Amino acid sequence: MDYIQLGSRLRQERLKHNFTQEKLAEKIDVSHAYIGQIERGERSLTLETLIKLANQLEVTADELLHESLKLNEGHYMHKIIQLVQERPMHEQQMALEMLEVMFAHLDQMNSISKDTTIKNL
């Protein structure tokens, strides 16, 4: 696990909530020095502390740990499906149309890039 990245994410979230290290430490019943050490990646933390921090900062543990997680191929597809299936039908249609436009544009950009590479050879 990359504790420096985790600490950086925790600091970002703490600052979004306008918490000082002291205030956050007080809310989860740890010392402010410990919060500082976690944010600098100098100390590891228990699962219990991670959950307390996530709850206090109103984020999920996977949002805090996403740089440390190894994702499989289906991860993003699963997240897309979760997002879309929770929306009304007309918003699902709109999302599909937006994806089609975006992928058509990406295909066009990739084609231009390939043509430029071939011409430069």
PDB file of N, CA and C in Angstrom:
ATOM      1  N   MET A   1       0.838  -1.176   0.000  1.00  0.00           N
ATOM      2  CA  MET A   1       0.000   0.000   0.000  1.00  0.00           C
ATOM      3  C   MET A   1       0.884   1.241   0.000  1.00  0.00           C
ATOM      4  N   ASP A   2       0.477   2.246  -0.743  1.00  0.00           N
ATOM      5  CA  ASP A   2       1.220   3.499  -0.825  1.00  0.00           C
ATOM      6  C   ASP A   2       0.669   4.468   0.227  1.00  0.00           C
ATOM      7  N   TYR A   3       1.321   4.513   1.381  1.00  0.00           N
ATOM      8  CA  TYR A   3       0.829   5.340   2.483  1.00  0.00           C
ATOM      9  C   TYR A   3       0.982   6.832   2.203  1.00  0.00           C
ATOM     10  N   ILE A   4       1.933   7.196   1.362  1.00  0.00           N
ATOM     11  CA  ILE A   4       2.093   8.611   1.010  1.00  0.00           C
ATOM     12  C   ILE A   4       0.894   9.075   0.194  1.00  0.00           C
ATOM     13  N   GLN A   5       0.481   8.267  -0.788  1.00  0.00           N
ATOM     14  CA  GLN A   5      -0.695   8.623  -1.592  1.00  0.00           C
ATOM     15  C   GLN A   5      -1.952   8.652  -0.733  1.00  0.00           C
ATOM     16  N   LEU A   6      -2.103   7.653   0.136  1.00  0.00           N
ATOM     17  CA  LEU A   6      -3.265   7.620   1.025  1.00  0.00           C
ATOM     18  C   LEU A   6      -3.283   8.867   1.904  1.00  0.00           C
ATOM     19  N   GLY A   7      -2.151   9.220   2.469  1.00  0.00           N
ATOM     20  CA  GLY A   7      -2.069  10.411   3.306  1.00  0.00           C
ATOM     21  C   GLY A   7      -2.413  11.672   2.542  1.00  0.00           C
ATOM     22  N   SER A   8      -1.960  11.750   1.309  1.00  0.00           N
ATOM     23  CA  SER A   8      -2.264  12.901   0.463  1.00  0.00           C
ATOM     24  C   SER A   8      -3.765  13.007   0.196  1.00  0.00           C
ATOM     25  N   ARG A   9      -4.396  11.872  -0.097  1.00  0.00           N
ATOM     26  CA  ARG A   9      -5.850  11.861  -0.323  1.00  0.00           C
ATOM     27  C   ARG A   9      -6.594  12.281   0.945  1.00  0.00           C
ATOM     28  N   LEU A  10      -6.152  11.777   2.083  1.00  0.00           N
ATOM     29  CA  LEU A  10      -6.796  12.153   3.341  1.00  0.00           C
ATOM     30  C   LEU A  10      -6.674  13.655   3.581  1.00  0.00           C
ATOM     31  N   ARG A  11      -5.495  14.197   3.307  1.00  0.00           N
ATOM     32  CA  ARG A  11      -5.290  15.635   3.495  1.00  0.00           C
ATOM     33  C   ARG A  11      -6.207  16.433   2.576  1.00  0.00           C
ATOM     34  N   GLN A  12      -6.311  16.018   1.297  1.00  0.00           N
ATOM     35  CA  GLN A  12      -7.211  16.705   0.358  1.00  0.00           C
ATOM     36  C   GLN A  12      -8.641  16.722   0.885  1.00  0.00           C
ATOM     37  N   GLU A  13      -9.100  15.574   1.337  1.00  0.00           N
ATOM     38  CA  GLU A  13     -10.472  15.480   1.840  1.00  0.00           C
ATOM     39  C   GLU A  13     -10.647  16.289   3.123  1.00  0.00           C
ATOM     40  N   ARG A  14      -9.660  16.276   3.989  1.00  0.00           N
ATOM     41  CA  ARG A  14      -9.738  17.061   5.226  1.00  0.00           C
ATOM     42  C   ARG A  14      -9.870  18.542   4.910  1.00  0.00           C
ATOM     43  N   LEU A  15      -9.058  19.010   3.958  1.00  0.00           N
ATOM     44  CA  LEU A  15      -9.095  20.425   3.594  1.00  0.00           C
ATOM     45  C   LEU A  15     -10.406  20.798   2.911  1.00  0.00           C
ATOM     46  N   LYS A  16     -10.980  19.886   2.125  1.00  0.00           N
ATOM     47  CA  LYS A  16     -12.294  20.143   1.504  1.00  0.00           C
ATOM     48  C   LYS A  16     -13.352  20.424   2.566  1.00  0.00           C
ATOM     49  N   HIS A  17     -13.213  19.771   3.705  1.00  0.00           N
ATOM     50  CA  HIS A  17     -14.174  19.948   4.794  1.00  0.00           C
ATOM     51  C   HIS A  17     -13.763  21.064   5.759  1.00  0.00           C
ATOM     52  N   ASN A  18     -12.681  21.750   5.420  1.00  0.00           N
ATOM     53  CA  ASN A  18     -12.168  22.843   6.257  1.00  0.00           C
ATOM     54  C   ASN A  18     -11.872  22.396   7.689  1.00  0.00           C
ATOM     55  N   PHE A  19     -11.370  21.168   7.805  1.00  0.00           N
ATOM     56  CA  PHE A  19     -10.960  20.659   9.113  1.00  0.00           C
ATOM     57  C   PHE A  19      -9.467  20.907   9.291  1.00  0.00           C
ATOM     58  N   THR A  20      -9.091  21.307  10.489  1.00  0.00           N
ATOM     59  CA  THR A  20      -7.674  21.282  10.845  1.00  0.00           C
ATOM     60  C   THR A  20      -7.341  19.840  11.232  1.00  0.00           C
ATOM     61  N   GLN A  21      -6.060  19.549  11.309  1.00  0.00           N
ATOM     62  CA  GLN A  21      -5.670  18.221  11.789  1.00  0.00           C
ATOM     63  C   GLN A  21      -6.200  18.009  13.205  1.00  0.00           C
ATOM     64  N   GLU A  22      -6.159  19.051  14.003  1.00  0.00           N
ATOM     65  CA  GLU A  22      -6.627  18.956  15.383  1.00  0.00           C
ATOM     66  C   GLU A  22      -8.114  18.631  15.446  1.00  0.00           C
ATOM     67  N   LYS A  23      -8.914  19.322  14.621  1.00  0.00           N
ATOM     68  CA  LYS A  23     -10.363  19.108  14.633  1.00  0.00           C
ATOM     69  C   LYS A  23     -10.709  17.697  14.160  1.00  0.00           C
ATOM     70  N   LEU A  24     -10.064  17.240  13.085  1.00  0.00           N
ATOM     71  CA  LEU A  24     -10.324  15.888  12.592  1.00  0.00           C
ATOM     72  C   LEU A  24      -9.907  14.852  13.630  1.00  0.00           C
ATOM     73  N   ALA A  25      -8.757  15.052  14.236  1.00  0.00           N
ATOM     74  CA  ALA A  25      -8.274  14.123  15.265  1.00  0.00           C
ATOM     75  C   ALA A  25      -9.269  14.037  16.420  1.00  0.00           C
ATOM     76  N   GLU A  26      -9.785  15.183  16.825  1.00  0.00           N
ATOM     77  CA  GLU A  26     -10.761  15.216  17.917  1.00  0.00           C
ATOM     78  C   GLU A  26     -12.028  14.434  17.544  1.00  0.00           C
ATOM     79  N   LYS A  27     -12.467  14.587  16.307  1.00  0.00           N
ATOM     80  CA  LYS A  27     -13.697  13.929  15.862  1.00  0.00           C
ATOM     81  C   LYS A  27     -13.575  12.408  15.819  1.00  0.00           C
ATOM     82  N   ILE A  28     -12.359  11.903  15.563  1.00  0.00           N
ATOM     83  CA  ILE A  28     -12.211  10.435  15.492  1.00  0.00           C
ATOM     84  C   ILE A  28     -11.426   9.879  16.680  1.00  0.00           C
ATOM     85  N   ASP A  29     -11.158  10.741  17.648  1.00  0.00           N
ATOM     86  CA  ASP A  29     -10.538  10.331  18.910  1.00  0.00           C
ATOM     87  C   ASP A  29      -9.127   9.759  18.739  1.00  0.00           C
ATOM     88  N   VAL A  30      -8.295  10.514  18.016  1.00  0.00           N
ATOM     89  CA  VAL A  30      -6.864  10.205  17.912  1.00  0.00           C
ATOM     90  C   VAL A  30      -6.103  11.510  18.117  1.00  0.00           C
ATOM     91  N   SER A  31      -4.792  11.442  18.200  1.00  0.00           N
ATOM     92  CA  SER A  31      -4.008  12.669  18.388  1.00  0.00           C
ATOM     93  C   SER A  31      -3.809  13.380  17.048  1.00  0.00           C
ATOM     94  N   HIS A  32      -3.645  14.701  17.122  1.00  0.00           N
ATOM     95  CA  HIS A  32      -3.394  15.453  15.886  1.00  0.00           C
ATOM     96  C   HIS A  32      -2.031  15.083  15.301  1.00  0.00           C
ATOM     97  N   ALA A  33      -1.090  14.700  16.154  1.00  0.00           N
ATOM     98  CA  ALA A  33       0.223  14.267  15.656  1.00  0.00           C
ATOM     99  C   ALA A  33       0.074  13.014  14.792  1.00  0.00           C
ATOM    100  N   TYR A  34      -0.803  12.116  15.201  1.00  0.00           N
ATOM    101  CA  TYR A  34      -1.058  10.883  14.443  1.00  0.00           C
ATOM    102  C   TYR A  34      -1.660  11.214  13.076  1.00  0.00           C
ATOM    103  N   ILE A  35      -2.602  12.157  13.034  1.00  0.00           N
ATOM    104  CA  ILE A  35      -3.188  12.578  11.753  1.00  0.00           C
ATOM    105  C   ILE A  35      -2.089  13.124  10.852  1.00  0.00           C
ATOM    106  N   GLY A  36      -1.216  13.955  11.396  1.00  0.00           N
ATOM    107  CA  GLY A  36      -0.107  14.506  10.614  1.00  0.00           C
ATOM    108  C   GLY A  36       0.808  13.419  10.076  1.00  0.00           C
ATOM    109  N   GLN A  37       1.114  12.443  10.904  1.00  0.00           N
ATOM    110  CA  GLN A  37       1.974  11.336  10.472  1.00  0.00           C
ATOM    111  C   GLN A  37       1.302  10.505   9.382  1.00  0.00           C
ATOM    112  N   ILE A  38       0.004  10.278   9.503  1.00  0.00           N
ATOM    113  CA  ILE A  38      -0.729   9.542   8.460  1.00  0.00           C
ATOM    114  C   ILE A  38      -0.687  10.331   7.157  1.00  0.00           C
ATOM    115  N   GLU A  39      -0.967  11.632   7.233  1.00  0.00           N
ATOM    116  CA  GLU A  39      -0.994  12.463   6.026  1.00  0.00           C
ATOM    117  C   GLU A  39       0.365  12.521   5.336  1.00  0.00           C
ATOM    118  N   ARG A  40       1.428  12.428   6.082  1.00  0.00           N
ATOM    119  CA  ARG A  40       2.772  12.444   5.486  1.00  0.00           C
ATOM    120  C   ARG A  40       3.234  11.051   5.062  1.00  0.00           C
ATOM    121  N   GLY A  41       2.424  10.045   5.328  1.00  0.00           N
ATOM    122  CA  GLY A  41       2.780   8.673   4.960  1.00  0.00           C
ATOM    123  C   GLY A  41       3.800   8.052   5.887  1.00  0.00           C
ATOM    124  N   GLU A  42       3.963   8.621   7.063  1.00  0.00           N
ATOM    125  CA  GLU A  42       4.955   8.124   8.020  1.00  0.00           C
ATOM    126  C   GLU A  42       4.417   6.998   8.895  1.00  0.00           C
ATOM    127  N   ARG A  43       3.104   6.900   9.010  1.00  0.00           N
ATOM    128  CA  ARG A  43       2.481   5.881   9.866  1.00  0.00           C
ATOM    129  C   ARG A  43       1.398   5.160   9.088  1.00  0.00           C
ATOM    130  N   SER A  44       1.264   3.884   9.365  1.00  0.00           N
ATOM    131  CA  SER A  44       0.137   3.134   8.816  1.00  0.00           C
ATOM    132  C   SER A  44      -1.061   3.362   9.736  1.00  0.00           C
ATOM    133  N   LEU A  45      -2.212   2.888   9.325  1.00  0.00           N
ATOM    134  CA  LEU A  45      -3.387   3.048  10.158  1.00  0.00           C
ATOM    135  C   LEU A  45      -4.203   1.768  10.152  1.00  0.00           C
ATOM    136  N   THR A  46      -4.988   1.599  11.185  1.00  0.00           N
ATOM    137  CA  THR A  46      -5.813   0.400  11.276  1.00  0.00           C
ATOM    138  C   THR A  46      -7.036   0.562  10.382  1.00  0.00           C
ATOM    139  N   LEU A  47      -7.669  -0.550  10.093  1.00  0.00           N
ATOM    140  CA  LEU A  47      -8.906  -0.514   9.324  1.00  0.00           C
ATOM    141  C   LEU A  47      -9.950   0.314  10.063  1.00  0.00           C
ATOM    142  N   GLU A  48      -9.991   0.173  11.363  1.00  0.00           N
ATOM    143  CA  GLU A  48     -10.945   0.941  12.174  1.00  0.00           C
ATOM    144  C   GLU A  48     -10.727   2.447  12.006  1.00  0.00           C
ATOM    145  N   THR A  49      -9.474   2.881  12.033  1.00  0.00           N
ATOM    146  CA  THR A  49      -9.167   4.305  11.861  1.00  0.00           C
ATOM    147  C   THR A  49      -9.498   4.756  10.448  1.00  0.00           C
ATOM    148  N   LEU A  50      -9.194   3.931   9.457  1.00  0.00           N
ATOM    149  CA  LEU A  50      -9.528   4.270   8.071  1.00  0.00           C
ATOM    150  C   LEU A  50     -11.034   4.470   7.923  1.00  0.00           C
ATOM    151  N   ILE A  51     -11.820   3.594   8.513  1.00  0.00           N
ATOM    152  CA  ILE A  51     -13.281   3.705   8.427  1.00  0.00           C
ATOM    153  C   ILE A  51     -13.770   4.957   9.149  1.00  0.00           C
ATOM    154  N   LYS A  52     -13.212   5.250  10.314  1.00  0.00           N
ATOM    155  CA  LYS A  52     -13.589   6.473  11.035  1.00  0.00           C
ATOM    156  C   LYS A  52     -13.282   7.707  10.191  1.00  0.00           C
ATOM    157  N   LEU A  53     -12.102   7.719   9.570  1.00  0.00           N
ATOM    158  CA  LEU A  53     -11.723   8.853   8.721  1.00  0.00           C
ATOM    159  C   LEU A  53     -12.657   8.976   7.524  1.00  0.00           C
ATOM    160  N   ALA A  54     -12.920   7.863   6.856  1.00  0.00           N
ATOM    161  CA  ALA A  54     -13.804   7.885   5.686  1.00  0.00           C
ATOM    162  C   ALA A  54     -15.186   8.400   6.074  1.00  0.00           C
ATOM    163  N   ASN A  55     -15.722   7.912   7.170  1.00  0.00           N
ATOM    164  CA  ASN A  55     -17.045   8.366   7.611  1.00  0.00           C
ATOM    165  C   ASN A  55     -17.044   9.847   7.948  1.00  0.00           C
ATOM    166  N   GLN A  56     -16.029  10.292   8.644  1.00  0.00           N
ATOM    167  CA  GLN A  56     -15.962  11.696   9.043  1.00  0.00           C
ATOM    168  C   GLN A  56     -15.790  12.611   7.830  1.00  0.00           C
ATOM    169  N   LEU A  57     -15.039  12.138   6.828  1.00  0.00           N
ATOM    170  CA  LEU A  57     -14.772  12.940   5.631  1.00  0.00           C
ATOM    171  C   LEU A  57     -15.812  12.713   4.539  1.00  0.00           C
ATOM    172  N   GLU A  58     -16.792  11.854   4.827  1.00  0.00           N
ATOM    173  CA  GLU A  58     -17.905  11.583   3.912  1.00  0.00           C
ATOM    174  C   GLU A  58     -17.430  11.061   2.562  1.00  0.00           C
ATOM    175  N   VAL A  59     -16.485  10.131   2.607  1.00  0.00           N
ATOM    176  CA  VAL A  59     -15.998   9.450   1.406  1.00  0.00           C
ATOM    177  C   VAL A  59     -15.987   7.955   1.694  1.00  0.00           C
ATOM    178  N   THR A  60     -15.872   7.163   0.642  1.00  0.00           N
ATOM    179  CA  THR A  60     -15.764   5.723   0.840  1.00  0.00           C
ATOM    180  C   THR A  60     -14.293   5.352   0.979  1.00  0.00           C
ATOM    181  N   ALA A  61     -14.056   4.209   1.577  1.00  0.00           N
ATOM    182  CA  ALA A  61     -12.679   3.734   1.728  1.00  0.00           C
ATOM    183  C   ALA A  61     -12.032   3.535   0.366  1.00  0.00           C
ATOM    184  N   ASP A  62     -12.796   3.061  -0.636  1.00  0.00           N
ATOM    185  CA  ASP A  62     -12.184   2.854  -1.951  1.00  0.00           C
ATOM    186  C   ASP A  62     -11.817   4.173  -2.608  1.00  0.00           C
ATOM    187  N   GLU A  63     -12.523   5.265  -2.289  1.00  0.00           N
ATOM    188  CA  GLU A  63     -12.117   6.573  -2.810  1.00  0.00           C
ATOM    189  C   GLU A  63     -10.763   6.983  -2.226  1.00  0.00           C
ATOM    190  N   LEU A  64     -10.544   6.656  -0.985  1.00  0.00           N
ATOM    191  CA  LEU A  64      -9.266   6.980  -0.352  1.00  0.00           C
ATOM    192  C   LEU A  64      -8.145   6.071  -0.841  1.00  0.00           C
ATOM    193  N   LEU A  65      -8.478   4.828  -1.128  1.00  0.00           N
ATOM    194  CA  LEU A  65      -7.466   3.823  -1.471  1.00  0.00           C
ATOM    195  C   LEU A  65      -7.313   3.585  -2.967  1.00  0.00           C
ATOM    196  N   HIS A  66      -8.048   4.310  -3.813  1.00  0.00           N
ATOM    197  CA  HIS A  66      -8.097   3.935  -5.232  1.00  0.00           C
ATOM    198  C   HIS A  66      -6.729   3.878  -5.906  1.00  0.00           C
ATOM    199  N   GLU A  67      -5.763   4.670  -5.479  1.00  0.00           N
ATOM    200  CA  GLU A  67      -4.433   4.576  -6.088  1.00  0.00           C
ATOM    201  C   GLU A  67      -3.734   3.270  -5.723  1.00  0.00           C
ATOM    202  N   SER A  68      -4.126   2.676  -4.604  1.00  0.00           N
ATOM    203  CA  SER A  68      -3.486   1.447  -4.137  1.00  0.00           C
ATOM    204  C   SER A  68      -4.185   0.184  -4.629  1.00  0.00           C
ATOM    205  N   LEU A  69      -5.396   0.335  -5.170  1.00  0.00           N
ATOM    206  CA  LEU A  69      -6.162  -0.833  -5.595  1.00  0.00           C
ATOM    207  C   LEU A  69      -5.772  -1.264  -6.996  1.00  0.00           C
ATOM    208  N   LYS A  70      -5.661  -2.563  -7.200  1.00  0.00           N
ATOM    209  CA  LYS A  70      -5.449  -3.110  -8.536  1.00  0.00           C
ATOM    210  C   LYS A  70      -6.820  -3.469  -9.085  1.00  0.00           C
ATOM    211  N   LEU A  71      -7.184  -2.840 -10.188  1.00  0.00           N
ATOM    212  CA  LEU A  71      -8.522  -3.012 -10.734  1.00  0.00           C
ATOM    213  C   LEU A  71      -8.514  -4.031 -11.858  1.00  0.00           C
ATOM    214  N   ASN A  72      -9.563  -4.845 -11.912  1.00  0.00           N
ATOM    215  CA  ASN A  72      -9.673  -5.799 -13.013  1.00  0.00           C
ATOM    216  C   ASN A  72     -10.351  -5.137 -14.209  1.00  0.00           C
ATOM    217  N   GLU A  73     -10.387  -5.848 -15.320  1.00  0.00           N
ATOM    218  CA  GLU A  73     -10.937  -5.283 -16.557  1.00  0.00           C
ATOM    219  C   GLU A  73     -12.385  -4.836 -16.417  1.00  0.00           C
ATOM    220  N   GLY A  74     -13.179  -5.545 -15.653  1.00  0.00           N
ATOM    221  CA  GLY A  74     -14.596  -5.240 -15.551  1.00  0.00           C
ATOM    222  C   GLY A  74     -14.950  -4.154 -14.560  1.00  0.00           C
ATOM    223  N   HIS A  75     -13.955  -3.623 -13.847  1.00  0.00           N
ATOM    224  CA  HIS A  75     -14.229  -2.646 -12.795  1.00  0.00           C
ATOM    225  C   HIS A  75     -14.972  -1.421 -13.325  1.00  0.00           C
ATOM    226  N   TYR A  76     -14.448  -0.807 -14.371  1.00  0.00           N
ATOM    227  CA  TYR A  76     -15.065   0.422 -14.877  1.00  0.00           C
ATOM    228  C   TYR A  76     -16.411   0.142 -15.523  1.00  0.00           C
ATOM    229  N   MET A  77     -16.536  -0.994 -16.203  1.00  0.00           N
ATOM    230  CA  MET A  77     -17.820  -1.349 -16.793  1.00  0.00           C
ATOM    231  C   MET A  77     -18.867  -1.508 -15.696  1.00  0.00           C
ATOM    232  N   HIS A  78     -18.478  -2.140 -14.620  1.00  0.00           N
ATOM    233  CA  HIS A  78     -19.398  -2.324 -13.491  1.00  0.00           C
ATOM    234  C   HIS A  78     -19.823  -0.967 -12.918  1.00  0.00           C
ATOM    235  N   LYS A  79     -18.891  -0.043 -12.775  1.00  0.00           N
ATOM    236  CA  LYS A  79     -19.211   1.284 -12.245  1.00  0.00           C
ATOM    237  C   LYS A  79     -20.134   2.047 -13.189  1.00  0.00           C
ATOM    238  N   ILE A  80     -19.899   1.922 -14.504  1.00  0.00           N
ATOM    239  CA  ILE A  80     -20.765   2.584 -15.485  1.00  0.00           C
ATOM    240  C   ILE A  80     -22.179   2.031 -15.385  1.00  0.00           C
ATOM    241  N   ILE A  81     -22.291   0.716 -15.322  1.00  0.00           N
ATOM    242  CA  ILE A  81     -23.612   0.088 -15.216  1.00  0.00           C
ATOM    243  C   ILE A  81     -24.316   0.543 -13.943  1.00  0.00           C
ATOM    244  N   GLN A  82     -23.601   0.586 -12.833  1.00  0.00           N
ATOM    245  CA  GLN A  82     -24.198   1.043 -11.571  1.00  0.00           C
ATOM    246  C   GLN A  82     -24.734   2.462 -11.698  1.00  0.00           C
ATOM    247  N   LEU A  83     -23.946   3.335 -12.303  1.00  0.00           N
ATOM    248  CA  LEU A  83     -24.371   4.726 -12.466  1.00  0.00           C
ATOM    249  C   LEU A  83     -25.614   4.830 -13.331  1.00  0.00           C
ATOM    250  N   VAL A  84     -25.609   4.129 -14.443  1.00  0.00           N
ATOM    251  CA  VAL A  84     -26.685   4.264 -15.419  1.00  0.00           C
ATOM    252  C   VAL A  84     -27.969   3.604 -14.937  1.00  0.00           C
ATOM    253  N   GLN A  85     -27.881   2.440 -14.328  1.00  0.00           N
ATOM    254  CA  GLN A  85     -29.102   1.724 -13.959  1.00  0.00           C
ATOM    255  C   GLN A  85     -29.896   2.436 -12.870  1.00  0.00           C
ATOM    256  N   GLU A  86     -29.273   3.339 -12.149  1.00  0.00           N
ATOM    257  CA  GLU A  86     -29.963   4.081 -11.093  1.00  0.00           C
ATOM    258  C   GLU A  86     -30.704   5.304 -11.625  1.00  0.00           C
ATOM    259  N   ARG A  87     -30.548   5.596 -12.903  1.00  0.00           N
ATOM    260  CA  ARG A  87     -31.140   6.795 -13.497  1.00  0.00           C
ATOM    261  C   ARG A  87     -32.439   6.455 -14.218  1.00  0.00           C
ATOM    262  N   PRO A  88     -33.317   7.447 -14.402  1.00  0.00           N
ATOM    263  CA  PRO A  88     -34.548   7.216 -15.174  1.00  0.00           C
ATOM    264  C   PRO A  88     -34.214   6.880 -16.631  1.00  0.00           C
ATOM    265  N   MET A  89     -35.154   6.256 -17.317  1.00  0.00           N
ATOM    266  CA  MET A  89     -34.940   5.788 -18.685  1.00  0.00           C
ATOM    267  C   MET A  89     -34.469   6.908 -19.617  1.00  0.00           C
ATOM    268  N   HIS A  90     -35.088   8.094 -19.542  1.00  0.00           N
ATOM    269  CA  HIS A  90     -34.688   9.178 -20.454  1.00  0.00           C
ATOM    270  C   HIS A  90     -33.238   9.612 -20.202  1.00  0.00           C
ATOM    271  N   GLU A  91     -32.770   9.541 -18.954  1.00  0.00           N
ATOM    272  CA  GLU A  91     -31.375   9.876 -18.658  1.00  0.00           C
ATOM    273  C   GLU A  91     -30.437   8.768 -19.127  1.00  0.00           C
ATOM    274  N   GLN A  92     -30.891   7.518 -19.084  1.00  0.00           N
ATOM    275  CA  GLN A  92     -30.100   6.411 -19.619  1.00  0.00           C
ATOM    276  C   GLN A  92     -29.895   6.602 -21.118  1.00  0.00           C
ATOM    277  N   GLN A  93     -30.964   6.995 -21.821  1.00  0.00           N
ATOM    278  CA  GLN A  93     -30.874   7.247 -23.264  1.00  0.00           C
ATOM    279  C   GLN A  93     -29.893   8.390 -23.541  1.00  0.00           C
ATOM    280  N   MET A  94     -29.986   9.443 -22.745  1.00  0.00           N
ATOM    281  CA  MET A  94     -29.086  10.588 -22.909  1.00  0.00           C
ATOM    282  C   MET A  94     -27.637  10.157 -22.680  1.00  0.00           C
ATOM    283  N   ALA A  95     -27.398   9.339 -21.667  1.00  0.00           N
ATOM    284  CA  ALA A  95     -26.043   8.859 -21.379  1.00  0.00           C
ATOM    285  C   ALA A  95     -25.512   8.036 -22.544  1.00  0.00           C
ATOM    286  N   LEU A  96     -26.357   7.181 -23.111  1.00  0.00           N
ATOM    287  CA  LEU A  96     -25.953   6.373 -24.261  1.00  0.00           C
ATOM    288  C   LEU A  96     -25.569   7.266 -25.435  1.00  0.00           C
ATOM    289  N   GLU A  97     -26.382   8.259 -25.720  1.00  0.00           N
ATOM    290  CA  GLU A  97     -26.092   9.173 -26.832  1.00  0.00           C
ATOM    291  C   GLU A  97     -24.788   9.929 -26.595  1.00  0.00           C
ATOM    292  N   MET A  98     -24.556  10.343 -25.361  1.00  0.00           N
ATOM    293  CA  MET A  98     -23.314  11.055 -25.045  1.00  0.00           C
ATOM    294  C   MET A  98     -22.105  10.145 -25.223  1.00  0.00           C
ATOM    295  N   LEU A  99     -22.215   8.893 -24.788  1.00  0.00           N
ATOM    296  CA  LEU A  99     -21.120   7.939 -24.972  1.00  0.00           C
ATOM    297  C   LEU A  99     -20.850   7.688 -26.448  1.00  0.00           C
ATOM    298  N   GLU A 100     -21.909   7.552 -27.242  1.00  0.00           N
ATOM    299  CA  GLU A 100     -21.736   7.323 -28.677  1.00  0.00           C
ATOM    300  C   GLU A 100     -20.995   8.483 -29.329  1.00  0.00           C
ATOM    301  N   VAL A 101     -21.369   9.717 -28.980  1.00  0.00           N
ATOM    302  CA  VAL A 101     -20.702  10.900 -29.533  1.00  0.00           C
ATOM    303  C   VAL A 101     -19.242  10.937 -29.081  1.00  0.00           C
ATOM    304  N   MET A 102     -19.012  10.681 -27.802  1.00  0.00           N
ATOM    305  CA  MET A 102     -17.653  10.718 -27.268  1.00  0.00           C
ATOM    306  C   MET A 102     -16.764   9.677 -27.946  1.00  0.00           C
ATOM    307  N   PHE A 103     -17.274   8.433 -28.088  1.00  0.00           N
ATOM    308  CA  PHE A 103     -16.464   7.385 -28.705  1.00  0.00           C
ATOM    309  C   PHE A 103     -16.244   7.641 -30.190  1.00  0.00           C
ATOM    310  N   ALA A 104     -17.222   8.216 -30.878  1.00  0.00           N
ATOM    311  CA  ALA A 104     -17.031   8.574 -32.287  1.00  0.00           C
ATOM    312  C   ALA A 104     -15.913   9.611 -32.403  1.00  0.00           C
ATOM    313  N   HIS A 105     -15.905  10.575 -31.502  1.00  0.00           N
ATOM    314  CA  HIS A 105     -14.855  11.598 -31.503  1.00  0.00           C
ATOM    315  C   HIS A 105     -13.489  10.971 -31.203  1.00  0.00           C
ATOM    316  N   LEU A 106     -13.436  10.081 -30.212  1.00  0.00           N
ATOM    317  CA  LEU A 106     -12.170   9.413 -29.888  1.00  0.00           C
ATOM    318  C   LEU A 106     -11.665   8.575 -31.060  1.00  0.00           C
ATOM    319  N   ASP A 107     -12.583   7.865 -31.732  1.00  0.00           N
ATOM    320  CA  ASP A 107     -12.198   7.079 -32.909  1.00  0.00           C
ATOM    321  C   ASP A 107     -11.627   7.982 -33.995  1.00  0.00           C
ATOM    322  N   GLN A 108     -12.257   9.135 -34.191  1.00  0.00           N
ATOM    323  CA  GLN A 108     -11.780  10.084 -35.196  1.00  0.00           C
ATOM    324  C   GLN A 108     -10.396  10.616 -34.813  1.00  0.00           C
ATOM    325  N   MET A 109     -10.198  10.947 -33.553  1.00  0.00           N
ATOM    326  CA  MET A 109      -8.903  11.456 -33.102  1.00  0.00           C
ATOM    327  C   MET A 109      -7.822  10.382 -33.247  1.00  0.00           C
ATOM    328  N   ASN A 110      -8.161   9.134 -32.928  1.00  0.00           N
ATOM    329  CA  ASN A 110      -7.202   8.036 -33.078  1.00  0.00           C
ATOM    330  C   ASN A 110      -6.849   7.813 -34.537  1.00  0.00           C
ATOM    331  N   SER A 111      -7.826   7.958 -35.413  1.00  0.00           N
ATOM    332  CA  SER A 111      -7.594   7.788 -36.846  1.00  0.00           C
ATOM    333  C   SER A 111      -6.658   8.873 -37.370  1.00  0.00           C
ATOM    334  N   ILE A 112      -6.882  10.099 -36.951  1.00  0.00           N
ATOM    335  CA  ILE A 112      -6.023  11.216 -37.363  1.00  0.00           C
ATOM    336  C   ILE A 112      -4.603  10.990 -36.856  1.00  0.00           C
ATOM    337  N   SER A 113      -4.484  10.538 -35.621  1.00  0.00           N
ATOM    338  CA  SER A 113      -3.174  10.280 -35.035  1.00  0.00           C
ATOM    339  C   SER A 113      -2.432   9.188 -35.802  1.00  0.00           C
ATOM    340  N   LYS A 114      -3.142   8.122 -36.182  1.00  0.00           N
ATOM    341  CA  LYS A 114      -2.526   7.036 -36.945  1.00  0.00           C
ATOM    342  C   LYS A 114      -2.091   7.522 -38.319  1.00  0.00           C
ATOM    343  N   ASP A 115      -2.939   8.322 -38.981  1.00  0.00           N
ATOM    344  CA  ASP A 115      -2.598   8.851 -40.304  1.00  0.00           C
ATOM    345  C   ASP A 115      -1.354   9.727 -40.232  1.00  0.00           C
ATOM    346  N   THR A 116      -1.249  10.546 -39.217  1.00  0.00           N
ATOM    347  CA  THR A 116      -0.096  11.427 -39.045  1.00  0.00           C
ATOM    348  C   THR A 116       1.169  10.611 -38.811  1.00  0.00           C
ATOM    349  N   THR A 117       1.073   9.557 -38.021  1.00  0.00           N
ATOM    350  CA  THR A 117       2.222   8.697 -37.741  1.00  0.00           C
ATOM    351  C   THR A 117       2.699   8.014 -39.013  1.00  0.00           C
ATOM    352  N   ILE A 118       1.778   7.507 -39.815  1.00  0.00           N
ATOM    353  CA  ILE A 118       2.133   6.824 -41.065  1.00  0.00           C
ATOM    354  C   ILE A 118       2.802   7.796 -42.029  1.00  0.00           C
ATOM    355  N   LYS A 119       2.282   9.027 -42.142  1.00  0.00           N
ATOM    356  CA  LYS A 119       2.856  10.028 -43.044  1.00  0.00           C
ATOM    357  C   LYS A 119       4.269  10.412 -42.614  1.00  0.00           C
ATOM    358  N   ASN A 120       4.525  10.410 -41.317  1.00  0.00           N
ATOM    359  CA  ASN A 120       5.843  10.791 -40.807  1.00  0.00           C
ATOM    360  C   ASN A 120       6.887   9.694 -40.982  1.00  0.00           C
ATOM    361  N   LEU A 121       6.442   8.471 -41.280  1.00  0.00           N
ATOM    362  CA  LEU A 121       7.399   7.383 -41.485  1.00  0.00           C
ATOM    363  C   LEU A 121       7.960   7.534 -42.852  1.00  0.00           C
TER     364      LEU A 121
END
